[in-house]
Amino acid sequence: MDWHIALTQPGQDRVACDALRSQRYLVYRPIMFGSVRHGRGRMRSVIKSMFPGYLFVIDEFSRGWEWLRISHGVRFKNSLLMMHGHLATVDSDVMTEIKAEEQRQCTRTINGEKIVVPYKVGDTVRIEEGPFSGLFGEVEKLDDLERICLLLKILGRQSRVYLSHTHLASI
């Protein structure tokens, strides 16, 4: 299957990715680490889209692209990239290279030692230790290796919880 390129609204890559996944499209959003300066010159690590404004999408169930056009964060008009009057596609070889580059970007060096970040934004994890043990959450953001922000559904609403990666397990 070929990957198509969905166009997102400015700054809405993560929202569009979540919305398309809930519509049962296969979505790939390559990410990389960056840093931003905030308050009094302090630097903070952030996760950015490798290709802001673009998501790679496959319609696994051949439902068509109508649901894509009405999903949150996706452009309503011209929601898929077109080239020469046809939908633009990406070869699987190119996608393999993009995934390899993303893996290289997800490797950090701390005190001269290479560490691979165990989770990425959007992953579903199970909490193994602490008061929330046994609950499942979605990784919202990675502040650093010791602090991961999760979205948990507690008492019928989404709540943010910050935990260490040592308290989590992948699903």
N, C-alpha and C. Protein backbone atom coordinates (compact mmCIF):
# COMPACT_ATOMS: atom_id res chain seq x y z
N MET A 1 0.83 -1.19 0.00
CA MET A 1 0.00 0.00 0.00
C MET A 1 0.87 1.24 0.00
N ASP A 2 0.42 2.25 -0.70
CA ASP A 2 1.15 3.51 -0.76
C ASP A 2 0.71 4.44 0.35
N TRP A 3 1.66 5.20 0.83
CA TRP A 3 1.38 6.22 1.83
C TRP A 3 0.98 7.49 1.10
N HIS A 4 -0.11 8.13 1.53
CA HIS A 4 -0.53 9.41 0.99
C HIS A 4 -0.13 10.49 1.99
N ILE A 5 -0.14 11.74 1.54
CA ILE A 5 0.31 12.84 2.39
C ILE A 5 -0.88 13.74 2.71
N ALA A 6 -1.25 13.76 3.99
CA ALA A 6 -2.35 14.62 4.45
C ALA A 6 -1.78 15.96 4.89
N LEU A 7 -2.49 17.03 4.57
CA LEU A 7 -2.07 18.37 4.94
C LEU A 7 -2.82 18.79 6.20
N THR A 8 -2.11 19.31 7.18
CA THR A 8 -2.74 19.70 8.44
C THR A 8 -2.81 21.21 8.56
N GLN A 9 -3.66 21.66 9.46
CA GLN A 9 -3.73 23.08 9.76
C GLN A 9 -2.48 23.48 10.53
N PRO A 10 -2.06 24.74 10.46
CA PRO A 10 -0.84 25.16 11.14
C PRO A 10 -0.84 24.83 12.63
N GLY A 11 0.22 24.15 13.09
CA GLY A 11 0.37 23.81 14.50
C GLY A 11 -0.55 22.71 15.00
N GLN A 12 -1.23 22.01 14.11
CA GLN A 12 -2.21 21.01 14.52
C GLN A 12 -1.80 19.59 14.15
N ASP A 13 -0.52 19.32 14.00
CA ASP A 13 -0.07 17.99 13.59
C ASP A 13 -0.50 16.90 14.56
N ARG A 14 -0.28 17.12 15.86
CA ARG A 14 -0.62 16.11 16.86
C ARG A 14 -2.13 15.90 16.94
N VAL A 15 -2.88 16.99 16.88
CA VAL A 15 -4.35 16.90 16.94
C VAL A 15 -4.88 16.14 15.74
N ALA A 16 -4.37 16.46 14.55
CA ALA A 16 -4.80 15.78 13.33
C ALA A 16 -4.42 14.31 13.37
N CYS A 17 -3.24 14.00 13.88
CA CYS A 17 -2.79 12.60 13.98
C CYS A 17 -3.73 11.80 14.87
N ASP A 18 -4.06 12.35 16.03
CA ASP A 18 -4.99 11.67 16.94
C ASP A 18 -6.37 11.50 16.32
N ALA A 19 -6.86 12.54 15.64
CA ALA A 19 -8.19 12.48 15.03
C ALA A 19 -8.24 11.43 13.92
N LEU A 20 -7.20 11.37 13.11
CA LEU A 20 -7.18 10.39 12.02
C LEU A 20 -7.07 8.96 12.54
N ARG A 21 -6.30 8.78 13.61
CA ARG A 21 -6.22 7.45 14.21
C ARG A 21 -7.57 7.02 14.77
N SER A 22 -8.32 7.96 15.34
CA SER A 22 -9.64 7.61 15.87
C SER A 22 -10.61 7.30 14.73
N GLN A 23 -10.34 7.80 13.52
CA GLN A 23 -11.16 7.49 12.34
C GLN A 23 -10.69 6.20 11.66
N ARG A 24 -9.72 5.50 12.28
CA ARG A 24 -9.21 4.21 11.83
C ARG A 24 -8.37 4.27 10.56
N TYR A 25 -7.68 5.40 10.36
CA TYR A 25 -6.66 5.49 9.31
C TYR A 25 -5.33 5.10 9.94
N LEU A 26 -4.45 4.54 9.14
CA LEU A 26 -3.10 4.26 9.59
C LEU A 26 -2.30 5.53 9.36
N VAL A 27 -1.79 6.13 10.45
CA VAL A 27 -1.14 7.44 10.38
C VAL A 27 0.28 7.33 10.91
N TYR A 28 1.20 8.02 10.23
CA TYR A 28 2.58 8.08 10.70
C TYR A 28 3.00 9.55 10.75
N ARG A 29 3.43 9.98 11.94
CA ARG A 29 3.92 11.35 12.15
C ARG A 29 5.35 11.26 12.67
N PRO A 30 6.34 11.43 11.78
CA PRO A 30 7.72 11.39 12.25
C PRO A 30 8.02 12.55 13.18
N ILE A 31 8.73 12.26 14.26
CA ILE A 31 9.04 13.29 15.25
C ILE A 31 10.54 13.39 15.45
N MET A 32 10.97 14.50 16.05
CA MET A 32 12.38 14.68 16.41
C MET A 32 12.44 15.57 17.64
N PHE A 33 13.55 15.53 18.32
CA PHE A 33 13.72 16.34 19.51
C PHE A 33 14.27 17.70 19.12
N GLY A 34 13.85 18.69 19.85
CA GLY A 34 14.35 20.03 19.68
C GLY A 34 14.38 20.70 21.03
N SER A 35 14.80 21.93 21.05
CA SER A 35 14.78 22.67 22.32
C SER A 35 14.31 24.09 22.04
N VAL A 36 13.60 24.63 23.00
CA VAL A 36 13.10 26.01 22.89
C VAL A 36 13.52 26.77 24.13
N ARG A 37 13.71 28.05 23.93
CA ARG A 37 14.09 28.92 25.04
C ARG A 37 12.80 29.50 25.62
N HIS A 38 12.68 29.46 26.92
CA HIS A 38 11.52 30.04 27.57
C HIS A 38 11.95 30.69 28.87
N GLY A 39 11.16 31.56 29.39
CA GLY A 39 11.36 32.22 30.68
C GLY A 39 12.78 32.33 31.19
N ARG A 40 13.34 33.52 31.12
CA ARG A 40 14.68 33.81 31.65
C ARG A 40 15.78 33.02 30.97
N GLY A 41 15.61 32.72 29.72
CA GLY A 41 16.67 32.07 28.96
C GLY A 41 16.85 30.59 29.19
N ARG A 42 15.96 29.97 29.93
CA ARG A 42 16.07 28.53 30.18
C ARG A 42 15.69 27.75 28.93
N MET A 43 16.37 26.64 28.73
CA MET A 43 16.09 25.78 27.58
C MET A 43 15.22 24.61 28.04
N ARG A 44 14.31 24.20 27.18
CA ARG A 44 13.44 23.08 27.48
C ARG A 44 13.39 22.18 26.26
N SER A 45 13.46 20.86 26.48
CA SER A 45 13.38 19.91 25.38
C SER A 45 11.93 19.73 24.96
N VAL A 46 11.71 19.70 23.66
CA VAL A 46 10.38 19.50 23.12
C VAL A 46 10.46 18.48 21.99
N ILE A 47 9.31 17.94 21.66
CA ILE A 47 9.21 17.03 20.53
C ILE A 47 8.51 17.77 19.41
N LYS A 48 9.12 17.77 18.24
CA LYS A 48 8.57 18.47 17.09
C LYS A 48 8.28 17.49 15.96
N SER A 49 7.38 17.88 15.09
CA SER A 49 7.15 17.09 13.88
C SER A 49 8.35 17.27 12.96
N MET A 50 8.79 16.17 12.36
CA MET A 50 9.90 16.24 11.43
C MET A 50 9.48 16.99 10.16
N PHE A 51 8.21 16.85 9.77
CA PHE A 51 7.66 17.54 8.61
C PHE A 51 6.41 18.30 9.05
N PRO A 52 6.55 19.50 9.62
CA PRO A 52 5.38 20.23 10.11
C PRO A 52 4.38 20.48 8.98
N GLY A 53 3.11 20.22 9.27
CA GLY A 53 2.06 20.44 8.29
C GLY A 53 1.73 19.23 7.44
N TYR A 54 2.48 18.13 7.62
CA TYR A 54 2.26 16.94 6.80
C TYR A 54 2.19 15.68 7.67
N LEU A 55 1.28 14.79 7.33
CA LEU A 55 1.19 13.46 7.96
C LEU A 55 1.14 12.42 6.84
N PHE A 56 1.68 11.26 7.11
CA PHE A 56 1.62 10.16 6.15
C PHE A 56 0.45 9.26 6.54
N VAL A 57 -0.42 8.95 5.57
CA VAL A 57 -1.68 8.27 5.86
C VAL A 57 -1.91 7.14 4.87
N ILE A 58 -2.45 6.02 5.39
CA ILE A 58 -2.91 4.91 4.55
C ILE A 58 -4.37 4.65 4.90
N ASP A 59 -5.19 4.48 3.87
CA ASP A 59 -6.59 4.10 4.07
C ASP A 59 -6.65 2.58 4.05
N GLU A 60 -6.41 1.96 5.21
CA GLU A 60 -6.33 0.50 5.30
C GLU A 60 -7.60 -0.22 4.89
N PHE A 61 -8.74 0.35 5.24
CA PHE A 61 -10.00 -0.34 5.03
C PHE A 61 -10.74 0.12 3.78
N SER A 62 -10.07 0.88 2.92
CA SER A 62 -10.63 1.38 1.65
C SER A 62 -11.97 2.06 1.86
N ARG A 63 -12.04 2.89 2.90
CA ARG A 63 -13.27 3.63 3.20
C ARG A 63 -13.37 4.90 2.39
N GLY A 64 -12.29 5.34 1.79
CA GLY A 64 -12.27 6.62 1.09
C GLY A 64 -11.71 7.71 1.99
N TRP A 65 -11.63 8.90 1.43
CA TRP A 65 -10.99 10.00 2.14
C TRP A 65 -11.98 11.00 2.73
N GLU A 66 -13.28 10.70 2.70
CA GLU A 66 -14.26 11.64 3.21
C GLU A 66 -14.07 11.93 4.69
N TRP A 67 -13.80 10.91 5.49
CA TRP A 67 -13.60 11.10 6.93
C TRP A 67 -12.34 11.90 7.22
N LEU A 68 -11.36 11.78 6.35
CA LEU A 68 -10.13 12.54 6.53
C LEU A 68 -10.41 14.03 6.42
N ARG A 69 -11.24 14.40 5.47
CA ARG A 69 -11.52 15.82 5.23
C ARG A 69 -12.24 16.51 6.38
N ILE A 70 -12.98 15.76 7.18
CA ILE A 70 -13.74 16.38 8.27
C ILE A 70 -13.11 16.14 9.64
N SER A 71 -11.91 15.59 9.68
CA SER A 71 -11.23 15.33 10.95
C SER A 71 -10.61 16.62 11.49
N HIS A 72 -10.55 16.73 12.81
CA HIS A 72 -9.96 17.90 13.46
C HIS A 72 -8.49 18.03 13.08
N GLY A 73 -8.06 19.25 12.82
CA GLY A 73 -6.66 19.52 12.54
C GLY A 73 -6.25 19.32 11.10
N VAL A 74 -7.10 18.68 10.29
CA VAL A 74 -6.78 18.45 8.87
C VAL A 74 -7.42 19.58 8.07
N ARG A 75 -6.73 20.04 7.02
CA ARG A 75 -7.29 21.08 6.17
C ARG A 75 -8.58 20.57 5.53
N PHE A 76 -9.58 21.41 5.53
CA PHE A 76 -10.87 21.01 4.94
C PHE A 76 -10.77 20.97 3.43
N LYS A 77 -10.19 21.99 2.86
CA LYS A 77 -10.03 22.05 1.41
C LYS A 77 -8.60 21.60 1.09
N ASN A 78 -8.43 20.81 0.07
CA ASN A 78 -7.11 20.29 -0.32
C ASN A 78 -6.46 19.54 0.84
N SER A 79 -7.17 18.59 1.41
CA SER A 79 -6.67 17.87 2.58
C SER A 79 -5.59 16.85 2.24
N LEU A 80 -5.49 16.43 0.99
CA LEU A 80 -4.43 15.53 0.55
C LEU A 80 -3.56 16.23 -0.49
N LEU A 81 -2.26 15.99 -0.42
CA LEU A 81 -1.32 16.61 -1.34
C LEU A 81 -1.52 16.03 -2.74
N MET A 82 -1.66 16.92 -3.72
CA MET A 82 -1.84 16.52 -5.12
C MET A 82 -0.62 16.96 -5.92
N MET A 83 -0.21 16.13 -6.88
CA MET A 83 0.85 16.48 -7.81
C MET A 83 0.39 16.10 -9.21
N HIS A 84 0.38 17.08 -10.09
CA HIS A 84 -0.03 16.87 -11.49
C HIS A 84 -1.41 16.25 -11.59
N GLY A 85 -2.32 16.66 -10.73
CA GLY A 85 -3.69 16.19 -10.78
C GLY A 85 -3.95 14.83 -10.16
N HIS A 86 -2.93 14.22 -9.54
CA HIS A 86 -3.08 12.91 -8.89
C HIS A 86 -2.64 13.02 -7.43
N LEU A 87 -3.17 12.11 -6.60
CA LEU A 87 -2.75 12.09 -5.20
C LEU A 87 -1.26 11.74 -5.12
N ALA A 88 -0.52 12.54 -4.37
CA ALA A 88 0.91 12.28 -4.17
C ALA A 88 1.07 11.08 -3.24
N THR A 89 1.99 10.18 -3.57
CA THR A 89 2.26 9.02 -2.72
C THR A 89 3.75 8.96 -2.41
N VAL A 90 4.06 8.20 -1.36
CA VAL A 90 5.44 8.01 -0.93
C VAL A 90 5.75 6.53 -0.99
N ASP A 91 6.87 6.16 -1.62
CA ASP A 91 7.27 4.75 -1.71
C ASP A 91 7.62 4.20 -0.34
N SER A 92 7.51 2.90 -0.20
CA SER A 92 7.85 2.26 1.08
C SER A 92 9.33 2.38 1.39
N ASP A 93 10.20 2.47 0.36
CA ASP A 93 11.64 2.65 0.60
C ASP A 93 11.91 4.00 1.26
N VAL A 94 11.23 5.02 0.80
CA VAL A 94 11.39 6.35 1.38
C VAL A 94 10.88 6.35 2.81
N MET A 95 9.77 5.68 3.07
CA MET A 95 9.23 5.61 4.43
C MET A 95 10.20 4.89 5.36
N THR A 96 10.87 3.87 4.87
CA THR A 96 11.87 3.17 5.67
C THR A 96 13.00 4.11 6.06
N GLU A 97 13.44 4.94 5.12
CA GLU A 97 14.50 5.91 5.41
C GLU A 97 14.02 6.96 6.42
N ILE A 98 12.78 7.40 6.30
CA ILE A 98 12.24 8.38 7.23
C ILE A 98 12.19 7.80 8.64
N LYS A 99 11.75 6.53 8.74
CA LYS A 99 11.68 5.89 10.06
C LYS A 99 13.07 5.70 10.67
N ALA A 100 14.06 5.39 9.83
CA ALA A 100 15.43 5.23 10.32
C ALA A 100 15.97 6.57 10.83
N GLU A 101 15.69 7.64 10.11
CA GLU A 101 16.13 8.97 10.55
C GLU A 101 15.45 9.37 11.85
N GLU A 102 14.17 9.03 11.99
CA GLU A 102 13.46 9.32 13.23
C GLU A 102 14.11 8.59 14.40
N GLN A 103 14.51 7.35 14.20
CA GLN A 103 15.16 6.58 15.25
C GLN A 103 16.49 7.22 15.65
N ARG A 104 17.24 7.72 14.65
CA ARG A 104 18.49 8.41 14.96
C ARG A 104 18.22 9.69 15.74
N GLN A 105 17.14 10.39 15.41
CA GLN A 105 16.80 11.62 16.11
C GLN A 105 16.35 11.35 17.54
N CYS A 106 15.79 10.18 17.81
CA CYS A 106 15.28 9.85 19.15
C CYS A 106 16.37 9.34 20.08
N THR A 107 17.61 9.41 19.65
CA THR A 107 18.73 8.99 20.49
C THR A 107 19.35 10.24 21.11
N ARG A 108 19.49 10.26 22.42
CA ARG A 108 20.08 11.40 23.11
C ARG A 108 21.41 11.01 23.72
N THR A 109 22.25 12.01 23.91
CA THR A 109 23.52 11.79 24.58
C THR A 109 23.51 12.55 25.89
N ILE A 110 23.71 11.82 26.98
CA ILE A 110 23.77 12.43 28.30
C ILE A 110 25.06 11.97 28.97
N ASN A 111 25.89 12.94 29.36
CA ASN A 111 27.20 12.67 29.96
C ASN A 111 28.03 11.74 29.08
N GLY A 112 27.97 11.97 27.77
CA GLY A 112 28.76 11.17 26.83
C GLY A 112 28.21 9.78 26.57
N GLU A 113 27.07 9.44 27.16
CA GLU A 113 26.48 8.11 27.00
C GLU A 113 25.22 8.22 26.16
N LYS A 114 25.11 7.37 25.12
CA LYS A 114 23.93 7.40 24.26
C LYS A 114 22.78 6.67 24.93
N ILE A 115 21.62 7.32 24.94
CA ILE A 115 20.43 6.75 25.54
C ILE A 115 19.29 6.86 24.54
N VAL A 116 18.60 5.77 24.30
CA VAL A 116 17.44 5.79 23.42
C VAL A 116 16.21 6.04 24.28
N VAL A 117 15.43 7.06 23.89
CA VAL A 117 14.22 7.39 24.63
C VAL A 117 13.23 6.25 24.42
N PRO A 118 12.73 5.64 25.51
CA PRO A 118 11.91 4.44 25.37
C PRO A 118 10.52 4.67 24.81
N TYR A 119 10.01 5.88 24.87
CA TYR A 119 8.64 6.16 24.42
C TYR A 119 8.65 7.36 23.51
N LYS A 120 7.58 7.50 22.74
CA LYS A 120 7.40 8.70 21.94
C LYS A 120 5.97 9.18 22.09
N VAL A 121 5.72 10.40 21.68
CA VAL A 121 4.40 10.99 21.82
C VAL A 121 3.37 10.15 21.07
N GLY A 122 2.26 9.88 21.74
CA GLY A 122 1.19 9.10 21.14
C GLY A 122 1.19 7.64 21.55
N ASP A 123 2.28 7.15 22.15
CA ASP A 123 2.35 5.76 22.60
C ASP A 123 1.37 5.54 23.77
N THR A 124 0.77 4.36 23.80
CA THR A 124 -0.05 3.97 24.94
C THR A 124 0.81 3.13 25.87
N VAL A 125 0.80 3.47 27.15
CA VAL A 125 1.65 2.79 28.12
C VAL A 125 0.80 2.36 29.31
N ARG A 126 1.34 1.40 30.06
CA ARG A 126 0.69 0.92 31.29
C ARG A 126 1.54 1.36 32.46
N ILE A 127 0.91 1.91 33.48
CA ILE A 127 1.63 2.36 34.66
C ILE A 127 1.84 1.15 35.57
N GLU A 128 3.09 0.90 35.93
CA GLU A 128 3.47 -0.28 36.70
C GLU A 128 3.63 -0.01 38.19
N GLU A 129 3.98 1.23 38.57
CA GLU A 129 4.26 1.55 39.96
C GLU A 129 3.52 2.81 40.38
N GLY A 130 3.30 2.96 41.66
CA GLY A 130 2.71 4.17 42.19
C GLY A 130 1.20 4.08 42.34
N PRO A 131 0.58 5.20 42.69
CA PRO A 131 -0.87 5.20 42.97
C PRO A 131 -1.73 4.93 41.74
N PHE A 132 -1.18 5.13 40.55
CA PHE A 132 -1.95 4.90 39.33
C PHE A 132 -1.64 3.55 38.68
N SER A 133 -0.99 2.65 39.39
CA SER A 133 -0.58 1.38 38.79
C SER A 133 -1.80 0.61 38.26
N GLY A 134 -1.60 0.02 37.09
CA GLY A 134 -2.66 -0.73 36.44
C GLY A 134 -3.46 0.09 35.44
N LEU A 135 -3.31 1.43 35.46
CA LEU A 135 -4.03 2.27 34.51
C LEU A 135 -3.23 2.42 33.21
N PHE A 136 -3.94 2.71 32.14
CA PHE A 136 -3.31 2.95 30.85
C PHE A 136 -3.38 4.43 30.53
N GLY A 137 -2.35 4.94 29.88
CA GLY A 137 -2.32 6.35 29.51
C GLY A 137 -1.64 6.53 28.19
N GLU A 138 -1.80 7.71 27.63
CA GLU A 138 -1.17 8.06 26.36
C GLU A 138 -0.10 9.10 26.62
N VAL A 139 1.08 8.91 26.05
CA VAL A 139 2.18 9.85 26.23
C VAL A 139 1.83 11.14 25.49
N GLU A 140 1.74 12.23 26.24
CA GLU A 140 1.42 13.53 25.63
C GLU A 140 2.68 14.29 25.26
N LYS A 141 3.66 14.33 26.18
CA LYS A 141 4.92 14.99 25.86
C LYS A 141 6.03 14.43 26.73
N LEU A 142 7.25 14.59 26.26
CA LEU A 142 8.44 14.13 26.96
C LEU A 142 9.25 15.36 27.34
N ASP A 143 9.26 15.70 28.62
CA ASP A 143 10.05 16.85 29.05
C ASP A 143 11.53 16.52 29.06
N ASP A 144 11.88 15.38 29.59
CA ASP A 144 13.24 14.88 29.58
C ASP A 144 13.15 13.38 29.84
N LEU A 145 14.29 12.74 30.08
CA LEU A 145 14.26 11.28 30.28
C LEU A 145 13.59 10.88 31.58
N GLU A 146 13.55 11.77 32.56
CA GLU A 146 12.98 11.42 33.85
C GLU A 146 11.55 11.87 34.03
N ARG A 147 11.02 12.64 33.11
CA ARG A 147 9.67 13.18 33.31
C ARG A 147 8.87 13.04 32.02
N ILE A 148 7.81 12.23 32.10
CA ILE A 148 6.95 11.99 30.95
C ILE A 148 5.54 12.40 31.32
N CYS A 149 4.90 13.18 30.46
CA CYS A 149 3.53 13.63 30.70
C CYS A 149 2.56 12.65 30.04
N LEU A 150 1.67 12.09 30.85
CA LEU A 150 0.66 11.14 30.36
C LEU A 150 -0.73 11.75 30.45
N LEU A 151 -1.60 11.36 29.53
CA LEU A 151 -3.01 11.68 29.63
C LEU A 151 -3.72 10.44 30.14
N LEU A 152 -4.34 10.54 31.31
CA LEU A 152 -5.08 9.43 31.90
C LEU A 152 -6.55 9.79 31.95
N LYS A 153 -7.38 8.80 31.78
CA LYS A 153 -8.82 9.02 31.93
C LYS A 153 -9.17 8.65 33.36
N ILE A 154 -9.41 9.67 34.18
CA ILE A 154 -9.72 9.49 35.59
C ILE A 154 -11.07 10.16 35.87
N LEU A 155 -11.99 9.41 36.43
CA LEU A 155 -13.32 9.91 36.76
C LEU A 155 -14.02 10.53 35.55
N GLY A 156 -13.85 9.90 34.39
CA GLY A 156 -14.56 10.32 33.19
C GLY A 156 -13.99 11.51 32.46
N ARG A 157 -12.80 11.99 32.82
CA ARG A 157 -12.20 13.09 32.09
C ARG A 157 -10.70 12.90 31.96
N GLN A 158 -10.10 13.57 30.99
CA GLN A 158 -8.66 13.47 30.76
C GLN A 158 -7.91 14.28 31.80
N SER A 159 -6.89 13.68 32.40
CA SER A 159 -6.05 14.37 33.37
C SER A 159 -4.59 14.16 33.00
N ARG A 160 -3.78 15.19 33.23
CA ARG A 160 -2.34 15.08 32.98
C ARG A 160 -1.64 14.59 34.24
N VAL A 161 -0.74 13.64 34.05
CA VAL A 161 0.04 13.10 35.15
C VAL A 161 1.49 13.02 34.68
N TYR A 162 2.43 13.47 35.50
CA TYR A 162 3.84 13.42 35.18
C TYR A 162 4.48 12.28 35.96
N LEU A 163 5.14 11.36 35.25
CA LEU A 163 5.77 10.20 35.87
C LEU A 163 7.16 9.97 35.29
N SER A 164 7.93 9.18 35.98
CA SER A 164 9.24 8.76 35.48
C SER A 164 9.04 7.60 34.52
N HIS A 165 9.91 7.50 33.51
CA HIS A 165 9.79 6.39 32.55
C HIS A 165 10.03 5.03 33.20
N THR A 166 10.65 5.00 34.37
CA THR A 166 10.89 3.72 35.05
C THR A 166 9.60 3.14 35.63
N HIS A 167 8.55 3.95 35.75
CA HIS A 167 7.28 3.48 36.29
C HIS A 167 6.33 2.99 35.21
N LEU A 168 6.77 3.01 33.94
CA LEU A 168 5.91 2.71 32.81
C LEU A 168 6.37 1.45 32.07
N ALA A 169 5.41 0.84 31.37
CA ALA A 169 5.73 -0.30 30.51
C ALA A 169 4.99 -0.11 29.18
N SER A 170 5.64 -0.44 28.08
CA SER A 170 5.02 -0.35 26.76
C SER A 170 3.97 -1.41 26.61
N ILE A 171 3.02 -1.13 25.74
CA ILE A 171 1.99 -2.13 25.44
C ILE A 171 2.28 -2.71 24.07
